[in-house]
Amino acid sequence: MALIAEAAELVEHFQWVDGDSSHLLEDKTRKSIEEELADILIYLVRISDKLDVDLYEAVERKIAINEKKYPADLVRGSAKKYTEYIEKND
């Protein structure tokens, strides 16, 4: 639950910001965002430690899964769900 709360605090910084300018941050905002990202990472590391999950290995596996689900030549520039690509290409 704390992880979700921290993620929500991060999102608040971008809620009303235009996507094209979301990377243009004032120093005060950047510092606050860095702190929220750190909080999120701390919770992720703590959860993975308690559950005996190797985060690096989990990320590597997930990237491999996503590469299969979302082939770059088919999905570049689109936000469609992978099932929409599978149905069209099977």
PDB file of N, CA and C in Angstrom:
ATOM      1  N   MET A   1       0.825  -1.196   0.000  1.00  0.00           N
ATOM      2  CA  MET A   1       0.000   0.000   0.000  1.00  0.00           C
ATOM      3  C   MET A   1       0.868   1.257   0.000  1.00  0.00           C
ATOM      4  N   ALA A   2       1.983   1.190   0.732  1.00  0.00           N
ATOM      5  CA  ALA A   2       2.870   2.351   0.771  1.00  0.00           C
ATOM      6  C   ALA A   2       3.488   2.618  -0.600  1.00  0.00           C
ATOM      7  N   LEU A   3       3.773   1.557  -1.331  1.00  0.00           N
ATOM      8  CA  LEU A   3       4.331   1.705  -2.674  1.00  0.00           C
ATOM      9  C   LEU A   3       3.360   2.461  -3.576  1.00  0.00           C
ATOM     10  N   ILE A   4       2.100   2.103  -3.518  1.00  0.00           N
ATOM     11  CA  ILE A   4       1.081   2.779  -4.321  1.00  0.00           C
ATOM     12  C   ILE A   4       0.971   4.246  -3.922  1.00  0.00           C
ATOM     13  N   ALA A   5       1.033   4.519  -2.641  1.00  0.00           N
ATOM     14  CA  ALA A   5       0.962   5.905  -2.168  1.00  0.00           C
ATOM     15  C   ALA A   5       2.125   6.721  -2.703  1.00  0.00           C
ATOM     16  N   GLU A   6       3.316   6.142  -2.684  1.00  0.00           N
ATOM     17  CA  GLU A   6       4.489   6.853  -3.202  1.00  0.00           C
ATOM     18  C   GLU A   6       4.382   7.066  -4.710  1.00  0.00           C
ATOM     19  N   ALA A   7       3.884   6.059  -5.423  1.00  0.00           N
ATOM     20  CA  ALA A   7       3.705   6.202  -6.871  1.00  0.00           C
ATOM     21  C   ALA A   7       2.689   7.307  -7.170  1.00  0.00           C
ATOM     22  N   ALA A   8       1.642   7.383  -6.374  1.00  0.00           N
ATOM     23  CA  ALA A   8       0.643   8.438  -6.552  1.00  0.00           C
ATOM     24  C   ALA A   8       1.252   9.816  -6.309  1.00  0.00           C
ATOM     25  N   GLU A   9       2.128   9.915  -5.321  1.00  0.00           N
ATOM     26  CA  GLU A   9       2.792  11.196  -5.059  1.00  0.00           C
ATOM     27  C   GLU A   9       3.671  11.598  -6.238  1.00  0.00           C
ATOM     28  N   LEU A  10       4.292  10.634  -6.878  1.00  0.00           N
ATOM     29  CA  LEU A  10       5.090  10.919  -8.071  1.00  0.00           C
ATOM     30  C   LEU A  10       4.198  11.412  -9.209  1.00  0.00           C
ATOM     31  N   VAL A  11       3.103  10.729  -9.439  1.00  0.00           N
ATOM     32  CA  VAL A  11       2.196  11.073 -10.533  1.00  0.00           C
ATOM     33  C   VAL A  11       1.610  12.470 -10.362  1.00  0.00           C
ATOM     34  N   GLU A  12       1.411  12.892  -9.131  1.00  0.00           N
ATOM     35  CA  GLU A  12       0.849  14.221  -8.878  1.00  0.00           C
ATOM     36  C   GLU A  12       1.669  15.314  -9.550  1.00  0.00           C
ATOM     37  N   HIS A  13       2.964  15.107  -9.663  1.00  0.00           N
ATOM     38  CA  HIS A  13       3.832  16.119 -10.292  1.00  0.00           C
ATOM     39  C   HIS A  13       3.546  16.276 -11.787  1.00  0.00           C
ATOM     40  N   PHE A  14       2.956  15.264 -12.387  1.00  0.00           N
ATOM     41  CA  PHE A  14       2.735  15.275 -13.822  1.00  0.00           C
ATOM     42  C   PHE A  14       1.264  15.328 -14.222  1.00  0.00           C
ATOM     43  N   GLN A  15       0.387  15.320 -13.239  1.00  0.00           N
ATOM     44  CA  GLN A  15      -1.044  15.205 -13.495  1.00  0.00           C
ATOM     45  C   GLN A  15      -1.573  16.271 -14.452  1.00  0.00           C
ATOM     46  N   TRP A  16      -1.166  17.490 -14.292  1.00  0.00           N
ATOM     47  CA  TRP A  16      -1.699  18.575 -15.113  1.00  0.00           C
ATOM     48  C   TRP A  16      -0.636  19.178 -16.029  1.00  0.00           C
ATOM     49  N   VAL A  17       0.396  18.413 -16.320  1.00  0.00           N
ATOM     50  CA  VAL A  17       1.485  18.898 -17.159  1.00  0.00           C
ATOM     51  C   VAL A  17       1.348  18.288 -18.547  1.00  0.00           C
ATOM     52  N   ASP A  18       1.519  19.099 -19.557  1.00  0.00           N
ATOM     53  CA  ASP A  18       1.502  18.623 -20.936  1.00  0.00           C
ATOM     54  C   ASP A  18       2.640  17.617 -21.141  1.00  0.00           C
ATOM     55  N   GLY A  19       2.347  16.531 -21.823  1.00  0.00           N
ATOM     56  CA  GLY A  19       3.333  15.472 -22.027  1.00  0.00           C
ATOM     57  C   GLY A  19       4.623  15.945 -22.666  1.00  0.00           C
ATOM     58  N   ASP A  20       4.529  16.866 -23.609  1.00  0.00           N
ATOM     59  CA  ASP A  20       5.721  17.347 -24.297  1.00  0.00           C
ATOM     60  C   ASP A  20       6.635  18.168 -23.393  1.00  0.00           C
ATOM     61  N   SER A  21       6.084  18.752 -22.343  1.00  0.00           N
ATOM     62  CA  SER A  21       6.901  19.582 -21.459  1.00  0.00           C
ATOM     63  C   SER A  21       7.145  18.926 -20.097  1.00  0.00           C
ATOM     64  N   SER A  22       6.752  17.667 -19.949  1.00  0.00           N
ATOM     65  CA  SER A  22       6.855  17.009 -18.640  1.00  0.00           C
ATOM     66  C   SER A  22       8.299  16.829 -18.176  1.00  0.00           C
ATOM     67  N   HIS A  23       9.229  16.898 -19.096  1.00  0.00           N
ATOM     68  CA  HIS A  23      10.643  16.753 -18.706  1.00  0.00           C
ATOM     69  C   HIS A  23      11.291  18.091 -18.364  1.00  0.00           C
ATOM     70  N   LEU A  24      10.592  19.181 -18.594  1.00  0.00           N
ATOM     71  CA  LEU A  24      11.116  20.513 -18.276  1.00  0.00           C
ATOM     72  C   LEU A  24      10.715  20.859 -16.847  1.00  0.00           C
ATOM     73  N   LEU A  25      11.584  20.545 -15.926  1.00  0.00           N
ATOM     74  CA  LEU A  25      11.247  20.662 -14.505  1.00  0.00           C
ATOM     75  C   LEU A  25      12.027  21.777 -13.828  1.00  0.00           C
ATOM     76  N   GLU A  26      11.343  22.472 -12.949  1.00  0.00           N
ATOM     77  CA  GLU A  26      12.023  23.434 -12.098  1.00  0.00           C
ATOM     78  C   GLU A  26      12.852  22.658 -11.084  1.00  0.00           C
ATOM     79  N   ASP A  27      13.911  23.274 -10.562  1.00  0.00           N
ATOM     80  CA  ASP A  27      14.803  22.578  -9.626  1.00  0.00           C
ATOM     81  C   ASP A  27      14.061  22.015  -8.418  1.00  0.00           C
ATOM     82  N   LYS A  28      13.139  22.796  -7.858  1.00  0.00           N
ATOM     83  CA  LYS A  28      12.382  22.350  -6.683  1.00  0.00           C
ATOM     84  C   LYS A  28      11.542  21.122  -7.027  1.00  0.00           C
ATOM     85  N   THR A  29      10.913  21.147  -8.180  1.00  0.00           N
ATOM     86  CA  THR A  29      10.090  20.019  -8.612  1.00  0.00           C
ATOM     87  C   THR A  29      10.957  18.796  -8.879  1.00  0.00           C
ATOM     88  N   ARG A  30      12.081  18.987  -9.552  1.00  0.00           N
ATOM     89  CA  ARG A  30      12.988  17.879  -9.838  1.00  0.00           C
ATOM     90  C   ARG A  30      13.444  17.213  -8.541  1.00  0.00           C
ATOM     91  N   LYS A  31      13.781  18.010  -7.541  1.00  0.00           N
ATOM     92  CA  LYS A  31      14.225  17.455  -6.259  1.00  0.00           C
ATOM     93  C   LYS A  31      13.113  16.620  -5.624  1.00  0.00           C
ATOM     94  N   SER A  32      11.903  17.114  -5.672  1.00  0.00           N
ATOM     95  CA  SER A  32      10.776  16.386  -5.102  1.00  0.00           C
ATOM     96  C   SER A  32      10.528  15.084  -5.871  1.00  0.00           C
ATOM     97  N   ILE A  33      10.620  15.131  -7.187  1.00  0.00           N
ATOM     98  CA  ILE A  33      10.444  13.940  -8.012  1.00  0.00           C
ATOM     99  C   ILE A  33      11.539  12.915  -7.710  1.00  0.00           C
ATOM    100  N   GLU A  34      12.760  13.375  -7.574  1.00  0.00           N
ATOM    101  CA  GLU A  34      13.863  12.470  -7.226  1.00  0.00           C
ATOM    102  C   GLU A  34      13.593  11.760  -5.904  1.00  0.00           C
ATOM    103  N   GLU A  35      13.059  12.499  -4.935  1.00  0.00           N
ATOM    104  CA  GLU A  35      12.749  11.904  -3.634  1.00  0.00           C
ATOM    105  C   GLU A  35      11.637  10.868  -3.747  1.00  0.00           C
ATOM    106  N   GLU A  36      10.619  11.155  -4.556  1.00  0.00           N
ATOM    107  CA  GLU A  36       9.533  10.183  -4.739  1.00  0.00           C
ATOM    108  C   GLU A  36      10.043   8.932  -5.452  1.00  0.00           C
ATOM    109  N   LEU A  37      10.879   9.110  -6.461  1.00  0.00           N
ATOM    110  CA  LEU A  37      11.472   7.957  -7.144  1.00  0.00           C
ATOM    111  C   LEU A  37      12.303   7.119  -6.180  1.00  0.00           C
ATOM    112  N   ALA A  38      13.049   7.786  -5.318  1.00  0.00           N
ATOM    113  CA  ALA A  38      13.844   7.069  -4.321  1.00  0.00           C
ATOM    114  C   ALA A  38      12.945   6.290  -3.366  1.00  0.00           C
ATOM    115  N   ASP A  39      11.864   6.907  -2.923  1.00  0.00           N
ATOM    116  CA  ASP A  39      10.918   6.208  -2.041  1.00  0.00           C
ATOM    117  C   ASP A  39      10.364   4.960  -2.718  1.00  0.00           C
ATOM    118  N   ILE A  40       9.997   5.095  -3.988  1.00  0.00           N
ATOM    119  CA  ILE A  40       9.455   3.963  -4.735  1.00  0.00           C
ATOM    120  C   ILE A  40      10.491   2.850  -4.837  1.00  0.00           C
ATOM    121  N   LEU A  41      11.720   3.215  -5.158  1.00  0.00           N
ATOM    122  CA  LEU A  41      12.785   2.217  -5.271  1.00  0.00           C
ATOM    123  C   LEU A  41      13.045   1.522  -3.938  1.00  0.00           C
ATOM    124  N   ILE A  42      13.038   2.289  -2.870  1.00  0.00           N
ATOM    125  CA  ILE A  42      13.243   1.697  -1.539  1.00  0.00           C
ATOM    126  C   ILE A  42      12.174   0.647  -1.259  1.00  0.00           C
ATOM    127  N   TYR A  43      10.922   0.968  -1.540  1.00  0.00           N
ATOM    128  CA  TYR A  43       9.852  -0.012  -1.310  1.00  0.00           C
ATOM    129  C   TYR A  43      10.006  -1.228  -2.215  1.00  0.00           C
ATOM    130  N   LEU A  44      10.358  -1.022  -3.466  1.00  0.00           N
ATOM    131  CA  LEU A  44      10.552  -2.149  -4.380  1.00  0.00           C
ATOM    132  C   LEU A  44      11.674  -3.067  -3.910  1.00  0.00           C
ATOM    133  N   VAL A  45      12.777  -2.475  -3.495  1.00  0.00           N
ATOM    134  CA  VAL A  45      13.911  -3.273  -3.010  1.00  0.00           C
ATOM    135  C   VAL A  45      13.523  -4.022  -1.745  1.00  0.00           C
ATOM    136  N   ARG A  46      12.815  -3.361  -0.864  1.00  0.00           N
ATOM    137  CA  ARG A  46      12.385  -3.999   0.388  1.00  0.00           C
ATOM    138  C   ARG A  46      11.435  -5.173   0.122  1.00  0.00           C
ATOM    139  N   ILE A  47      10.460  -4.965  -0.752  1.00  0.00           N
ATOM    140  CA  ILE A  47       9.520  -6.039  -1.088  1.00  0.00           C
ATOM    141  C   ILE A  47      10.255  -7.199  -1.734  1.00  0.00           C
ATOM    142  N   SER A  48      11.127  -6.902  -2.680  1.00  0.00           N
ATOM    143  CA  SER A  48      11.845  -7.980  -3.368  1.00  0.00           C
ATOM    144  C   SER A  48      12.744  -8.740  -2.399  1.00  0.00           C
ATOM    145  N   ASP A  49      13.326  -8.041  -1.441  1.00  0.00           N
ATOM    146  CA  ASP A  49      14.157  -8.707  -0.440  1.00  0.00           C
ATOM    147  C   ASP A  49      13.309  -9.653   0.414  1.00  0.00           C
ATOM    148  N   LYS A  50      12.176  -9.172   0.877  1.00  0.00           N
ATOM    149  CA  LYS A  50      11.293  -9.992   1.715  1.00  0.00           C
ATOM    150  C   LYS A  50      10.754 -11.212   0.970  1.00  0.00           C
ATOM    151  N   LEU A  51      10.531 -11.075  -0.336  1.00  0.00           N
ATOM    152  CA  LEU A  51       9.993 -12.167  -1.137  1.00  0.00           C
ATOM    153  C   LEU A  51      11.080 -12.989  -1.832  1.00  0.00           C
ATOM    154  N   ASP A  52      12.332 -12.640  -1.561  1.00  0.00           N
ATOM    155  CA  ASP A  52      13.482 -13.322  -2.166  1.00  0.00           C
ATOM    156  C   ASP A  52      13.402 -13.314  -3.694  1.00  0.00           C
ATOM    157  N   VAL A  53      13.142 -12.134  -4.238  1.00  0.00           N
ATOM    158  CA  VAL A  53      13.072 -11.933  -5.683  1.00  0.00           C
ATOM    159  C   VAL A  53      14.313 -11.167  -6.115  1.00  0.00           C
ATOM    160  N   ASP A  54      15.013 -11.705  -7.104  1.00  0.00           N
ATOM    161  CA  ASP A  54      16.147 -10.995  -7.695  1.00  0.00           C
ATOM    162  C   ASP A  54      15.573 -10.019  -8.718  1.00  0.00           C
ATOM    163  N   LEU A  55      15.553  -8.755  -8.383  1.00  0.00           N
ATOM    164  CA  LEU A  55      14.939  -7.759  -9.255  1.00  0.00           C
ATOM    165  C   LEU A  55      15.603  -7.702 -10.625  1.00  0.00           C
ATOM    166  N   TYR A  56      16.915  -7.800 -10.661  1.00  0.00           N
ATOM    167  CA  TYR A  56      17.613  -7.743 -11.949  1.00  0.00           C
ATOM    168  C   TYR A  56      17.162  -8.890 -12.847  1.00  0.00           C
ATOM    169  N   GLU A  57      17.111 -10.094 -12.310  1.00  0.00           N
ATOM    170  CA  GLU A  57      16.668 -11.241 -13.099  1.00  0.00           C
ATOM    171  C   GLU A  57      15.208 -11.101 -13.508  1.00  0.00           C
ATOM    172  N   ALA A  58      14.376 -10.605 -12.613  1.00  0.00           N
ATOM    173  CA  ALA A  58      12.962 -10.406 -12.925  1.00  0.00           C
ATOM    174  C   ALA A  58      12.793  -9.406 -14.066  1.00  0.00           C
ATOM    175  N   VAL A  59      13.576  -8.351 -14.035  1.00  0.00           N
ATOM    176  CA  VAL A  59      13.515  -7.341 -15.096  1.00  0.00           C
ATOM    177  C   VAL A  59      13.978  -7.941 -16.423  1.00  0.00           C
ATOM    178  N   GLU A  60      15.051  -8.686 -16.400  1.00  0.00           N
ATOM    179  CA  GLU A  60      15.544  -9.323 -17.625  1.00  0.00           C
ATOM    180  C   GLU A  60      14.476 -10.241 -18.226  1.00  0.00           C
ATOM    181  N   ARG A  61      13.830 -11.038 -17.380  1.00  0.00           N
ATOM    182  CA  ARG A  61      12.770 -11.936 -17.864  1.00  0.00           C
ATOM    183  C   ARG A  61      11.599 -11.141 -18.444  1.00  0.00           C
ATOM    184  N   LYS A  62      11.213 -10.072 -17.754  1.00  0.00           N
ATOM    185  CA  LYS A  62      10.069  -9.267 -18.203  1.00  0.00           C
ATOM    186  C   LYS A  62      10.372  -8.566 -19.519  1.00  0.00           C
ATOM    187  N   ILE A  63      11.578  -8.083 -19.693  1.00  0.00           N
ATOM    188  CA  ILE A  63      11.959  -7.456 -20.958  1.00  0.00           C
ATOM    189  C   ILE A  63      11.859  -8.472 -22.095  1.00  0.00           C
ATOM    190  N   ALA A  64      12.320  -9.697 -21.853  1.00  0.00           N
ATOM    191  CA  ALA A  64      12.235 -10.747 -22.875  1.00  0.00           C
ATOM    192  C   ALA A  64      10.781 -11.052 -23.222  1.00  0.00           C
ATOM    193  N   ILE A  65       9.924 -11.120 -22.212  1.00  0.00           N
ATOM    194  CA  ILE A  65       8.491 -11.355 -22.445  1.00  0.00           C
ATOM    195  C   ILE A  65       7.896 -10.220 -23.277  1.00  0.00           C
ATOM    196  N   ASN A  66       8.217  -8.980 -22.899  1.00  0.00           N
ATOM    197  CA  ASN A  66       7.674  -7.827 -23.612  1.00  0.00           C
ATOM    198  C   ASN A  66       8.165  -7.756 -25.054  1.00  0.00           C
ATOM    199  N   GLU A  67       9.400  -8.179 -25.297  1.00  0.00           N
ATOM    200  CA  GLU A  67       9.920  -8.184 -26.668  1.00  0.00           C
ATOM    201  C   GLU A  67       9.105  -9.120 -27.554  1.00  0.00           C
ATOM    202  N   LYS A  68       8.653 -10.232 -26.990  1.00  0.00           N
ATOM    203  CA  LYS A  68       7.827 -11.170 -27.751  1.00  0.00           C
ATOM    204  C   LYS A  68       6.401 -10.643 -27.922  1.00  0.00           C
ATOM    205  N   LYS A  69       5.858 -10.050 -26.858  1.00  0.00           N
ATOM    206  CA  LYS A  69       4.492  -9.551 -26.904  1.00  0.00           C
ATOM    207  C   LYS A  69       4.352  -8.320 -27.792  1.00  0.00           C
ATOM    208  N   TYR A  70       5.387  -7.495 -27.796  1.00  0.00           N
ATOM    209  CA  TYR A  70       5.328  -6.219 -28.499  1.00  0.00           C
ATOM    210  C   TYR A  70       6.500  -6.091 -29.469  1.00  0.00           C
ATOM    211  N   PRO A  71       6.470  -6.792 -30.599  1.00  0.00           N
ATOM    212  CA  PRO A  71       7.566  -6.678 -31.574  1.00  0.00           C
ATOM    213  C   PRO A  71       7.696  -5.233 -32.057  1.00  0.00           C
ATOM    214  N   ALA A  72       8.892  -4.696 -31.969  1.00  0.00           N
ATOM    215  CA  ALA A  72       9.117  -3.278 -32.268  1.00  0.00           C
ATOM    216  C   ALA A  72       8.618  -2.889 -33.650  1.00  0.00           C
ATOM    217  N   ASP A  73       8.796  -3.745 -34.644  1.00  0.00           N
ATOM    218  CA  ASP A  73       8.375  -3.385 -35.995  1.00  0.00           C
ATOM    219  C   ASP A  73       6.857  -3.286 -36.124  1.00  0.00           C
ATOM    220  N   LEU A  74       6.117  -3.922 -35.216  1.00  0.00           N
ATOM    221  CA  LEU A  74       4.659  -3.855 -35.259  1.00  0.00           C
ATOM    222  C   LEU A  74       4.063  -2.790 -34.349  1.00  0.00           C
ATOM    223  N   VAL A  75       4.710  -2.501 -33.249  1.00  0.00           N
ATOM    224  CA  VAL A  75       4.077  -1.663 -32.229  1.00  0.00           C
ATOM    225  C   VAL A  75       4.631  -0.245 -32.122  1.00  0.00           C
ATOM    226  N   ARG A  76       5.719   0.027 -32.783  1.00  0.00           N
ATOM    227  CA  ARG A  76       6.329   1.359 -32.657  1.00  0.00           C
ATOM    228  C   ARG A  76       5.300   2.454 -32.953  1.00  0.00           C
ATOM    229  N   GLY A  77       5.147   3.369 -32.028  1.00  0.00           N
ATOM    230  CA  GLY A  77       4.238   4.495 -32.192  1.00  0.00           C
ATOM    231  C   GLY A  77       2.790   4.202 -31.843  1.00  0.00           C
ATOM    232  N   SER A  78       2.533   3.030 -31.270  1.00  0.00           N
ATOM    233  CA  SER A  78       1.160   2.668 -30.934  1.00  0.00           C
ATOM    234  C   SER A  78       1.054   2.303 -29.464  1.00  0.00           C
ATOM    235  N   ALA A  79      -0.130   2.507 -28.906  1.00  0.00           N
ATOM    236  CA  ALA A  79      -0.375   2.155 -27.507  1.00  0.00           C
ATOM    237  C   ALA A  79      -1.353   0.994 -27.399  1.00  0.00           C
ATOM    238  N   LYS A  80      -1.548   0.266 -28.487  1.00  0.00           N
ATOM    239  CA  LYS A  80      -2.474  -0.863 -28.466  1.00  0.00           C
ATOM    240  C   LYS A  80      -1.957  -1.978 -27.580  1.00  0.00           C
ATOM    241  N   LYS A  81      -2.876  -2.752 -27.031  1.00  0.00           N
ATOM    242  CA  LYS A  81      -2.522  -3.899 -26.213  1.00  0.00           C
ATOM    243  C   LYS A  81      -2.014  -5.025 -27.115  1.00  0.00           C
ATOM    244  N   TYR A  82      -1.127  -5.849 -26.576  1.00  0.00           N
ATOM    245  CA  TYR A  82      -0.504  -6.891 -27.381  1.00  0.00           C
ATOM    246  C   TYR A  82      -1.507  -7.848 -28.025  1.00  0.00           C
ATOM    247  N   THR A  83      -2.650  -8.054 -27.392  1.00  0.00           N
ATOM    248  CA  THR A  83      -3.638  -8.974 -27.959  1.00  0.00           C
ATOM    249  C   THR A  83      -4.168  -8.471 -29.305  1.00  0.00           C
ATOM    250  N   GLU A  84      -4.138  -7.177 -29.518  1.00  0.00           N
ATOM    251  CA  GLU A  84      -4.587  -6.629 -30.800  1.00  0.00           C
ATOM    252  C   GLU A  84      -3.596  -6.956 -31.918  1.00  0.00           C
ATOM    253  N   TYR A  85      -2.332  -7.119 -31.587  1.00  0.00           N
ATOM    254  CA  TYR A  85      -1.323  -7.467 -32.580  1.00  0.00           C
ATOM    255  C   TYR A  85      -1.332  -8.968 -32.856  1.00  0.00           C
ATOM    256  N   ILE A  86      -1.529  -9.747 -31.803  1.00  0.00           N
ATOM    257  CA  ILE A  86      -1.541 -11.202 -31.952  1.00  0.00           C
ATOM    258  C   ILE A  86      -2.688 -11.628 -32.858  1.00  0.00           C
ATOM    259  N   GLU A  87      -3.877 -11.075 -32.633  1.00  0.00           N
ATOM    260  CA  GLU A  87      -5.056 -11.438 -33.421  1.00  0.00           C
ATOM    261  C   GLU A  87      -4.865 -11.134 -34.896  1.00  0.00           C
ATOM    262  N   LYS A  88      -4.230 -10.009 -35.199  1.00  0.00           N
ATOM    263  CA  LYS A  88      -4.047  -9.596 -36.580  1.00  0.00           C
ATOM    264  C   LYS A  88      -2.945 -10.399 -37.281  1.00  0.00           C
ATOM    265  N   ASN A  89      -1.981 -10.910 -36.504  1.00  0.00           N
ATOM    266  CA  ASN A  89      -0.820 -11.532 -37.111  1.00  0.00           C
ATOM    267  C   ASN A  89      -0.777 -13.043 -36.948  1.00  0.00           C
ATOM    268  N   ASP A  90      -1.824 -13.647 -36.450  1.00  0.00           N
ATOM    269  CA  ASP A  90      -1.864 -15.111 -36.314  1.00  0.00           C
ATOM    270  C   ASP A  90      -2.530 -15.754 -37.505  1.00  0.00           C
TER     271      ASP A  90
END
